[in-house]
Every structure is written in structure tokens, then in C-alpha cells.
């Protein structure tokens, strides 16, 4: 199911958006300010974000910039401002579309569908790079520097998940859903086992650790 995150501090607008998107069949998460929005984005990894420009705490421009640093998910910026400078600022910060309030809900839903179609039509990158790691998803090969790393199919899929979401915390439930497609239960340590396998192979010649544990949150691929 396609996941959409709404970051909007006006409860009435948020409620309207949430209800309309749920009726369209989307999985919807809500956040009322910039801090909550960034936290929700990392936790739920939505496919699209509807983002209000004027937010308490961290404004929409900064939220947009931070999201764009770690994801290519489409961002539709929503605001009462309609000045050209504000639209330009929003788009320059990384937004893909810009809608002013008051808005027609049917038009906004059409823009959501258009952004999702655009993403679906774009082929995923074949070669992924992070630090000194290089992954060719078509050849299913992985190199750390000049050293080729032999991975099992499951190890490869897990590393690919991290490399498609660098510098982003992946929770245990997200990893279960993406790699194993069902829940092993809270007592299962299968993720820890496979993380250990990956670390052993990636660090076999004393290279710095790239897959780090975020206690109480999950795992993240980042440079030391």
C-alpha cells in the first residue's frame, strides 16, 4: 500500500486531507509540526509527503531540505502563501509541487496521483554507491573498494535496502516487511543475525563499520 505523510499544523485541514486520502486507498500518517514530521518520515518512509510551509518549530522549508537530503520521495508543499518568491523558495528547497490554500481537494488528489505516476515511471538506479561500497543490482555484485564481497541472496537484498536508504534509520518492522514480508515476532533475532553476517563480510579486511545500530530505533547505513 502506498504510504503518504501529511505534515500540517491545522487540524481541520489535516483531517480533511487524511480522510480524503484514506478514501483513495492510501496508508496515511499525520504530523502536526516539523519535529514530528521529520521523526515520522524516518519511522514510516512514506512514498509521498504533503508538507505545510508554515509550521511551528522547524518550518516547511527546512523540513523539505532535510527530507530531500535522504530521500527522493515526492513532496507537495501546501501553504496559504501565494507570492512568487515563496513558490520559488519552496521548489528550490526540493519540493516537487506547490499548492496554495484554499485548495480544491480533487485537484490536490490529482496532483498526488501525478507525482506517484512520475516516480513509478522512473527506473530504479542499477548501480548504487555509498562510501567505498559499490553495488550493481543487475549483476548482483558488491565491491568494497577493489575487494569483491560474496553475499547470499538474502544478504544482498538486505544490503540493497540499506544502500537505497543511506543515512536513514530503518526500523526492525520496516526491515521485516521489505526483506522477509512477514513478522517473525518480537523475540526473533533473525535481523541481528543477518546484520552480523553483513558486518563480518563488509569488514573482513579491517574496513570501518558502515552499518550501525541505533539503540531502540533500528539500523542505519552511514559513514563512521
C-alpha atoms as a PDB file:
ATOM      1  CA  UNK A   1       0.000   0.000   0.000  1.00  0.00           C
ATOM      2  CA  UNK A   2       1.251   3.483  -0.875  1.00  0.00           C
ATOM      3  CA  UNK A   3       2.171   5.464   2.237  1.00  0.00           C
ATOM      4  CA  UNK A   4       1.595   9.220   2.444  1.00  0.00           C
ATOM      5  CA  UNK A   5       2.772  11.515   5.232  1.00  0.00           C
ATOM      6  CA  UNK A   6       0.870  14.745   5.953  1.00  0.00           C
ATOM      7  CA  UNK A   7       2.790  17.403   7.891  1.00  0.00           C
ATOM      8  CA  UNK A   8       0.198  20.084   8.678  1.00  0.00           C
ATOM      9  CA  UNK A   9      -0.404  22.064  11.870  1.00  0.00           C
ATOM     10  CA  UNK A  10      -4.025  22.994  11.079  1.00  0.00           C
ATOM     11  CA  UNK A  11      -6.141  20.091  12.475  1.00  0.00           C
ATOM     12  CA  UNK A  12      -9.120  20.812  10.239  1.00  0.00           C
ATOM     13  CA  UNK A  13      -7.035  20.756   7.060  1.00  0.00           C
ATOM     14  CA  UNK A  14      -5.129  17.708   8.263  1.00  0.00           C
ATOM     15  CA  UNK A  15      -8.375  15.881   8.984  1.00  0.00           C
ATOM     16  CA  UNK A  16      -9.755  16.716   5.524  1.00  0.00           C
ATOM     17  CA  UNK A  17      -6.588  15.540   3.806  1.00  0.00           C
ATOM     18  CA  UNK A  18      -6.354  12.361   5.847  1.00  0.00           C
ATOM     19  CA  UNK A  19      -9.975  11.383   5.263  1.00  0.00           C
ATOM     20  CA  UNK A  20      -9.753  12.078   1.520  1.00  0.00           C
ATOM     21  CA  UNK A  21      -6.513  10.135   1.094  1.00  0.00           C
ATOM     22  CA  UNK A  22      -7.816   7.185   3.136  1.00  0.00           C
ATOM     23  CA  UNK A  23     -10.879   7.043   0.878  1.00  0.00           C
ATOM     24  CA  UNK A  24      -8.495   6.881  -2.093  1.00  0.00           C
ATOM     25  CA  UNK A  25      -6.908   3.783  -0.552  1.00  0.00           C
ATOM     26  CA  UNK A  26      -3.645   5.260   0.744  1.00  0.00           C
ATOM     27  CA  UNK A  27      -1.979   4.488   4.069  1.00  0.00           C
ATOM     28  CA  UNK A  28      -1.800   7.874   5.820  1.00  0.00           C
ATOM     29  CA  UNK A  29       0.351   9.184   8.674  1.00  0.00           C
ATOM     30  CA  UNK A  30      -0.060  12.617  10.304  1.00  0.00           C
ATOM     31  CA  UNK A  31       2.347  15.034  11.971  1.00  0.00           C
ATOM     32  CA  UNK A  32       1.472  18.433  13.452  1.00  0.00           C
ATOM     33  CA  UNK A  33       4.872  20.154  13.371  1.00  0.00           C
ATOM     34  CA  UNK A  34       8.289  19.972  11.776  1.00  0.00           C
ATOM     35  CA  UNK A  35       9.931  17.912  14.513  1.00  0.00           C
ATOM     36  CA  UNK A  36       7.146  15.312  14.442  1.00  0.00           C
ATOM     37  CA  UNK A  37       7.221  15.351  10.651  1.00  0.00           C
ATOM     38  CA  UNK A  38      10.917  14.503  10.415  1.00  0.00           C
ATOM     39  CA  UNK A  39      10.531  11.781  13.037  1.00  0.00           C
ATOM     40  CA  UNK A  40       7.511  10.311  11.215  1.00  0.00           C
ATOM     41  CA  UNK A  41       9.364  10.406   7.907  1.00  0.00           C
ATOM     42  CA  UNK A  42      12.279   8.385   9.291  1.00  0.00           C
ATOM     43  CA  UNK A  43       9.944   5.939  11.021  1.00  0.00           C
ATOM     44  CA  UNK A  44       7.486   5.290   8.179  1.00  0.00           C
ATOM     45  CA  UNK A  45       9.450   6.053   4.981  1.00  0.00           C
ATOM     46  CA  UNK A  46       6.426   7.364   3.073  1.00  0.00           C
ATOM     47  CA  UNK A  47       6.126   7.275  -0.709  1.00  0.00           C
ATOM     48  CA  UNK A  48       4.934  10.906  -0.802  1.00  0.00           C
ATOM     49  CA  UNK A  49       4.824  13.872   1.590  1.00  0.00           C
ATOM     50  CA  UNK A  50       2.260  16.679   1.772  1.00  0.00           C
ATOM     51  CA  UNK A  51       4.058  19.441   3.634  1.00  0.00           C
ATOM     52  CA  UNK A  52       2.766  22.740   5.005  1.00  0.00           C
ATOM     53  CA  UNK A  53       5.181  25.641   4.600  1.00  0.00           C
ATOM     54  CA  UNK A  54       4.292  27.460   7.837  1.00  0.00           C
ATOM     55  CA  UNK A  55       4.957  25.010  10.653  1.00  0.00           C
ATOM     56  CA  UNK A  56       5.790  25.546  14.328  1.00  0.00           C
ATOM     57  CA  UNK A  57       9.261  24.520  15.438  1.00  0.00           C
ATOM     58  CA  UNK A  58      11.006  23.754  12.155  1.00  0.00           C
ATOM     59  CA  UNK A  59       9.391  25.443   9.159  1.00  0.00           C
ATOM     60  CA  UNK A  60       8.411  23.596   5.995  1.00  0.00           C
ATOM     61  CA  UNK A  61      11.398  24.838   4.006  1.00  0.00           C
ATOM     62  CA  UNK A  62      13.876  23.301   6.459  1.00  0.00           C
ATOM     63  CA  UNK A  63      11.821  20.104   6.763  1.00  0.00           C
ATOM     64  CA  UNK A  64      11.792  19.833   2.972  1.00  0.00           C
ATOM     65  CA  UNK A  65      15.551  20.290   2.765  1.00  0.00           C
ATOM     66  CA  UNK A  66      16.215  17.639   5.423  1.00  0.00           C
ATOM     67  CA  UNK A  67      13.897  15.117   3.790  1.00  0.00           C
ATOM     68  CA  UNK A  68      15.479  15.755   0.413  1.00  0.00           C
ATOM     69  CA  UNK A  69      18.943  15.029   1.843  1.00  0.00           C
ATOM     70  CA  UNK A  70      17.956  11.415   2.448  1.00  0.00           C
ATOM     71  CA  UNK A  71      15.120  10.648   0.045  1.00  0.00           C
ATOM     72  CA  UNK A  72      13.720  11.300  -3.426  1.00  0.00           C
ATOM     73  CA  UNK A  73      10.122  10.851  -2.245  1.00  0.00           C
ATOM     74  CA  UNK A  74       7.842  13.426  -3.925  1.00  0.00           C
ATOM     75  CA  UNK A  75       6.996  16.444  -1.761  1.00  0.00           C
ATOM     76  CA  UNK A  76       3.911  18.570  -2.374  1.00  0.00           C
ATOM     77  CA  UNK A  77       4.207  21.845  -0.495  1.00  0.00           C
ATOM     78  CA  UNK A  78       0.985  23.287   0.884  1.00  0.00           C
ATOM     79  CA  UNK A  79       0.634  26.852   2.130  1.00  0.00           C
ATOM     80  CA  UNK A  80      -1.549  29.933   2.393  1.00  0.00           C
ATOM     81  CA  UNK A  81       1.205  31.997   0.814  1.00  0.00           C
ATOM     82  CA  UNK A  82       0.888  32.607  -2.902  1.00  0.00           C
ATOM     83  CA  UNK A  83       3.708  35.050  -3.611  1.00  0.00           C
ATOM     84  CA  UNK A  84       6.069  34.064  -6.416  1.00  0.00           C
ATOM     85  CA  UNK A  85       9.095  34.281  -4.094  1.00  0.00           C
ATOM     86  CA  UNK A  86       7.509  31.793  -1.692  1.00  0.00           C
ATOM     87  CA  UNK A  87       6.768  29.342  -4.503  1.00  0.00           C
ATOM     88  CA  UNK A  88      10.320  29.623  -5.810  1.00  0.00           C
ATOM     89  CA  UNK A  89      11.750  29.143  -2.312  1.00  0.00           C
ATOM     90  CA  UNK A  90       9.650  26.033  -1.789  1.00  0.00           C
ATOM     91  CA  UNK A  91      10.640  24.494  -5.120  1.00  0.00           C
ATOM     92  CA  UNK A  92      14.298  25.387  -4.636  1.00  0.00           C
ATOM     93  CA  UNK A  93      14.304  23.634  -1.255  1.00  0.00           C
ATOM     94  CA  UNK A  94      13.383  20.384  -3.003  1.00  0.00           C
ATOM     95  CA  UNK A  95       9.577  20.370  -3.300  1.00  0.00           C
ATOM     96  CA  UNK A  96       8.141  18.760  -6.438  1.00  0.00           C
ATOM     97  CA  UNK A  97       4.859  20.672  -6.500  1.00  0.00           C
ATOM     98  CA  UNK A  98       3.276  23.661  -4.785  1.00  0.00           C
ATOM     99  CA  UNK A  99      -0.408  24.117  -3.871  1.00  0.00           C
ATOM    100  CA  UNK A 100      -1.862  27.224  -2.220  1.00  0.00           C
ATOM    101  CA  UNK A 101      -4.706  27.356   0.287  1.00  0.00           C
ATOM    102  CA  UNK A 102      -7.624  27.309  -0.062  1.00  0.00           C
ATOM    103  CA  UNK A 103      -7.355  24.353  -2.416  1.00  0.00           C
ATOM    104  CA  UNK A 104      -9.739  22.051  -4.217  1.00  0.00           C
ATOM    105  CA  UNK A 105      -9.361  18.581  -2.724  1.00  0.00           C
ATOM    106  CA  UNK A 106      -9.948  16.855  -6.068  1.00  0.00           C
ATOM    107  CA  UNK A 107      -7.168  18.881  -7.668  1.00  0.00           C
ATOM    108  CA  UNK A 108      -4.812  18.050  -4.816  1.00  0.00           C
ATOM    109  CA  UNK A 109      -5.618  14.338  -5.135  1.00  0.00           C
ATOM    110  CA  UNK A 110      -4.925  14.574  -8.862  1.00  0.00           C
ATOM    111  CA  UNK A 111      -1.524  16.132  -8.112  1.00  0.00           C
ATOM    112  CA  UNK A 112      -0.784  13.320  -5.669  1.00  0.00           C
ATOM    113  CA  UNK A 113      -1.579  10.736  -8.358  1.00  0.00           C
ATOM    114  CA  UNK A 114       0.546  12.615 -10.903  1.00  0.00           C
ATOM    115  CA  UNK A 115       3.581  12.658  -8.591  1.00  0.00           C
ATOM    116  CA  UNK A 116       3.199   8.961  -7.790  1.00  0.00           C
ATOM    117  CA  UNK A 117       2.939   8.111 -11.514  1.00  0.00           C
ATOM    118  CA  UNK A 118       6.112  10.081 -12.180  1.00  0.00           C
ATOM    119  CA  UNK A 119       8.006   8.086  -9.571  1.00  0.00           C
ATOM    120  CA  UNK A 120       6.664   4.760 -10.846  1.00  0.00           C
ATOM    121  CA  UNK A 121       7.794   5.598 -14.396  1.00  0.00           C
ATOM    122  CA  UNK A 122      11.390   6.235 -13.328  1.00  0.00           C
ATOM    123  CA  UNK A 123      13.639   3.167 -13.375  1.00  0.00           C
ATOM    124  CA  UNK A 124      15.498   2.452 -10.163  1.00  0.00           C
ATOM    125  CA  UNK A 125      19.228   3.021 -10.200  1.00  0.00           C
ATOM    126  CA  UNK A 126      21.166  -0.063 -11.251  1.00  0.00           C
ATOM    127  CA  UNK A 127      24.495   0.891  -9.665  1.00  0.00           C
ATOM    128  CA  UNK A 128      24.391   2.088  -6.048  1.00  0.00           C
ATOM    129  CA  UNK A 129      27.345   3.709  -4.300  1.00  0.00           C
ATOM    130  CA  UNK A 130      27.967   4.651  -0.690  1.00  0.00           C
ATOM    131  CA  UNK A 131      31.372   5.480   0.780  1.00  0.00           C
ATOM    132  CA  UNK A 132      33.677   2.824  -0.740  1.00  0.00           C
ATOM    133  CA  UNK A 133      30.794   0.379  -1.351  1.00  0.00           C
ATOM    134  CA  UNK A 134      29.595  -0.255  -4.910  1.00  0.00           C
ATOM    135  CA  UNK A 135      26.608  -2.463  -5.725  1.00  0.00           C
ATOM    136  CA  UNK A 136      25.465  -3.496  -9.200  1.00  0.00           C
ATOM    137  CA  UNK A 137      21.887  -4.650  -8.711  1.00  0.00           C
ATOM    138  CA  UNK A 138      21.641  -6.224 -12.173  1.00  0.00           C
ATOM    139  CA  UNK A 139      24.861  -8.236 -11.886  1.00  0.00           C
ATOM    140  CA  UNK A 140      24.190  -8.695  -8.143  1.00  0.00           C
ATOM    141  CA  UNK A 141      27.802  -7.887  -7.351  1.00  0.00           C
ATOM    142  CA  UNK A 142      29.204  -5.905  -4.425  1.00  0.00           C
ATOM    143  CA  UNK A 143      32.647  -4.358  -4.041  1.00  0.00           C
ATOM    144  CA  UNK A 144      34.253  -2.615  -1.114  1.00  0.00           C
ATOM    145  CA  UNK A 145      36.990  -0.658  -2.801  1.00  0.00           C
ATOM    146  CA  UNK A 146      38.629  -3.214  -5.124  1.00  0.00           C
ATOM    147  CA  UNK A 147      37.573  -6.194  -2.993  1.00  0.00           C
ATOM    148  CA  UNK A 148      34.602  -8.193  -4.229  1.00  0.00           C
ATOM    149  CA  UNK A 149      32.259  -9.401  -1.499  1.00  0.00           C
ATOM    150  CA  UNK A 150      30.336 -12.639  -1.908  1.00  0.00           C
ATOM    151  CA  UNK A 151      26.823 -12.362  -0.466  1.00  0.00           C
ATOM    152  CA  UNK A 152      23.903 -14.752  -0.222  1.00  0.00           C
ATOM    153  CA  UNK A 153      20.648 -13.677  -1.878  1.00  0.00           C
ATOM    154  CA  UNK A 154      19.161 -12.549   1.444  1.00  0.00           C
ATOM    155  CA  UNK A 155      22.310 -10.679   2.465  1.00  0.00           C
ATOM    156  CA  UNK A 156      22.344  -8.916  -0.906  1.00  0.00           C
ATOM    157  CA  UNK A 157      18.697  -7.861  -0.580  1.00  0.00           C
ATOM    158  CA  UNK A 158      19.300  -6.534   2.930  1.00  0.00           C
ATOM    159  CA  UNK A 159      22.365  -4.534   1.881  1.00  0.00           C
ATOM    160  CA  UNK A 160      20.472  -3.169  -1.126  1.00  0.00           C
ATOM    161  CA  UNK A 161      17.732  -1.940   1.199  1.00  0.00           C
ATOM    162  CA  UNK A 162      20.317  -0.022   3.227  1.00  0.00           C
ATOM    163  CA  UNK A 163      22.023   1.364   0.123  1.00  0.00           C
ATOM    164  CA  UNK A 164      18.735   2.648  -1.275  1.00  0.00           C
ATOM    165  CA  UNK A 165      18.111   4.455   2.029  1.00  0.00           C
ATOM    166  CA  UNK A 166      21.519   5.738   3.183  1.00  0.00           C
ATOM    167  CA  UNK A 167      21.775   7.863   6.332  1.00  0.00           C
ATOM    168  CA  UNK A 168      18.245   6.829   7.272  1.00  0.00           C
ATOM    169  CA  UNK A 169      17.281   4.714  10.274  1.00  0.00           C
ATOM    170  CA  UNK A 170      15.456   1.539   9.247  1.00  0.00           C
ATOM    171  CA  UNK A 171      13.336   0.007  11.981  1.00  0.00           C
ATOM    172  CA  UNK A 172      13.074  -3.732  12.596  1.00  0.00           C
ATOM    173  CA  UNK A 173       9.465  -3.747  11.374  1.00  0.00           C
ATOM    174  CA  UNK A 174      10.468  -1.970   8.139  1.00  0.00           C
ATOM    175  CA  UNK A 175      13.235  -4.483   7.500  1.00  0.00           C
ATOM    176  CA  UNK A 176      10.903  -7.427   8.208  1.00  0.00           C
ATOM    177  CA  UNK A 177       8.335  -6.028   5.801  1.00  0.00           C
ATOM    178  CA  UNK A 178      10.797  -5.278   2.998  1.00  0.00           C
ATOM    179  CA  UNK A 179      13.047  -8.348   3.216  1.00  0.00           C
ATOM    180  CA  UNK A 180      11.012 -11.140   4.806  1.00  0.00           C
ATOM    181  CA  UNK A 181       7.480  -9.857   4.054  1.00  0.00           C
ATOM    182  CA  UNK A 182       6.073 -11.016   7.360  1.00  0.00           C
ATOM    183  CA  UNK A 183       6.639 -10.607  11.074  1.00  0.00           C
ATOM    184  CA  UNK A 184       8.806 -13.188  12.851  1.00  0.00           C
ATOM    185  CA  UNK A 185       7.614 -11.869  16.204  1.00  0.00           C
ATOM    186  CA  UNK A 186       9.277  -9.700  18.778  1.00  0.00           C
ATOM    187  CA  UNK A 187      11.537 -12.483  20.054  1.00  0.00           C
ATOM    188  CA  UNK A 188      13.133 -13.281  16.687  1.00  0.00           C
ATOM    189  CA  UNK A 189      16.750 -12.243  16.258  1.00  0.00           C
ATOM    190  CA  UNK A 190      16.978 -13.003  12.542  1.00  0.00           C
ATOM    191  CA  UNK A 191      17.716  -9.366  11.685  1.00  0.00           C
ATOM    192  CA  UNK A 192      20.566  -9.249  14.173  1.00  0.00           C
ATOM    193  CA  UNK A 193      21.949 -12.469  12.694  1.00  0.00           C
ATOM    194  CA  UNK A 194      21.950 -11.093   9.151  1.00  0.00           C
ATOM    195  CA  UNK A 195      23.354  -7.739  10.234  1.00  0.00           C
ATOM    196  CA  UNK A 196      26.208  -9.663  11.856  1.00  0.00           C
ATOM    197  CA  UNK A 197      26.758 -11.650   8.644  1.00  0.00           C
ATOM    198  CA  UNK A 198      26.918  -8.434   6.617  1.00  0.00           C
ATOM    199  CA  UNK A 199      29.258  -6.683   9.022  1.00  0.00           C
ATOM    200  CA  UNK A 200      31.610  -9.680   9.049  1.00  0.00           C
ATOM    201  CA  UNK A 201      31.861  -9.674   5.264  1.00  0.00           C
ATOM    202  CA  UNK A 202      31.995  -5.881   4.824  1.00  0.00           C
ATOM    203  CA  UNK A 203      34.690  -5.514   7.496  1.00  0.00           C
ATOM    204  CA  UNK A 204      36.697  -8.642   6.636  1.00  0.00           C
ATOM    205  CA  UNK A 205      39.886  -6.679   5.967  1.00  0.00           C
ATOM    206  CA  UNK A 206      39.532  -4.222   8.823  1.00  0.00           C
ATOM    207  CA  UNK A 207      37.474  -1.636   6.988  1.00  0.00           C
ATOM    208  CA  UNK A 208      35.465   0.893   9.041  1.00  0.00           C
ATOM    209  CA  UNK A 209      31.937  -0.097  10.052  1.00  0.00           C
ATOM    210  CA  UNK A 210      29.151   1.236   7.819  1.00  0.00           C
ATOM    211  CA  UNK A 211      26.040  -0.462   9.258  1.00  0.00           C
ATOM    212  CA  UNK A 212      25.435   0.986  12.716  1.00  0.00           C
ATOM    213  CA  UNK A 213      22.935   0.130  15.439  1.00  0.00           C
ATOM    214  CA  UNK A 214      20.628   2.885  16.692  1.00  0.00           C
ATOM    215  CA  UNK A 215      19.542   1.541  20.056  1.00  0.00           C
ATOM    216  CA  UNK A 216      15.801   1.444  20.456  1.00  0.00           C
ATOM    217  CA  UNK A 217      15.307   2.534  16.833  1.00  0.00           C
ATOM    218  CA  UNK A 218      16.906   0.182  14.303  1.00  0.00           C
ATOM    219  CA  UNK A 219      19.891   0.269  11.965  1.00  0.00           C
ATOM    220  CA  UNK A 220      21.452   2.904   9.719  1.00  0.00           C
ATOM    221  CA  UNK A 221      23.977   2.887   6.876  1.00  0.00           C
ATOM    222  CA  UNK A 222      26.319   5.804   7.484  1.00  0.00           C
ATOM    223  CA  UNK A 223      29.989   6.628   7.381  1.00  0.00           C
ATOM    224  CA  UNK A 224      31.920   6.371  10.659  1.00  0.00           C
END
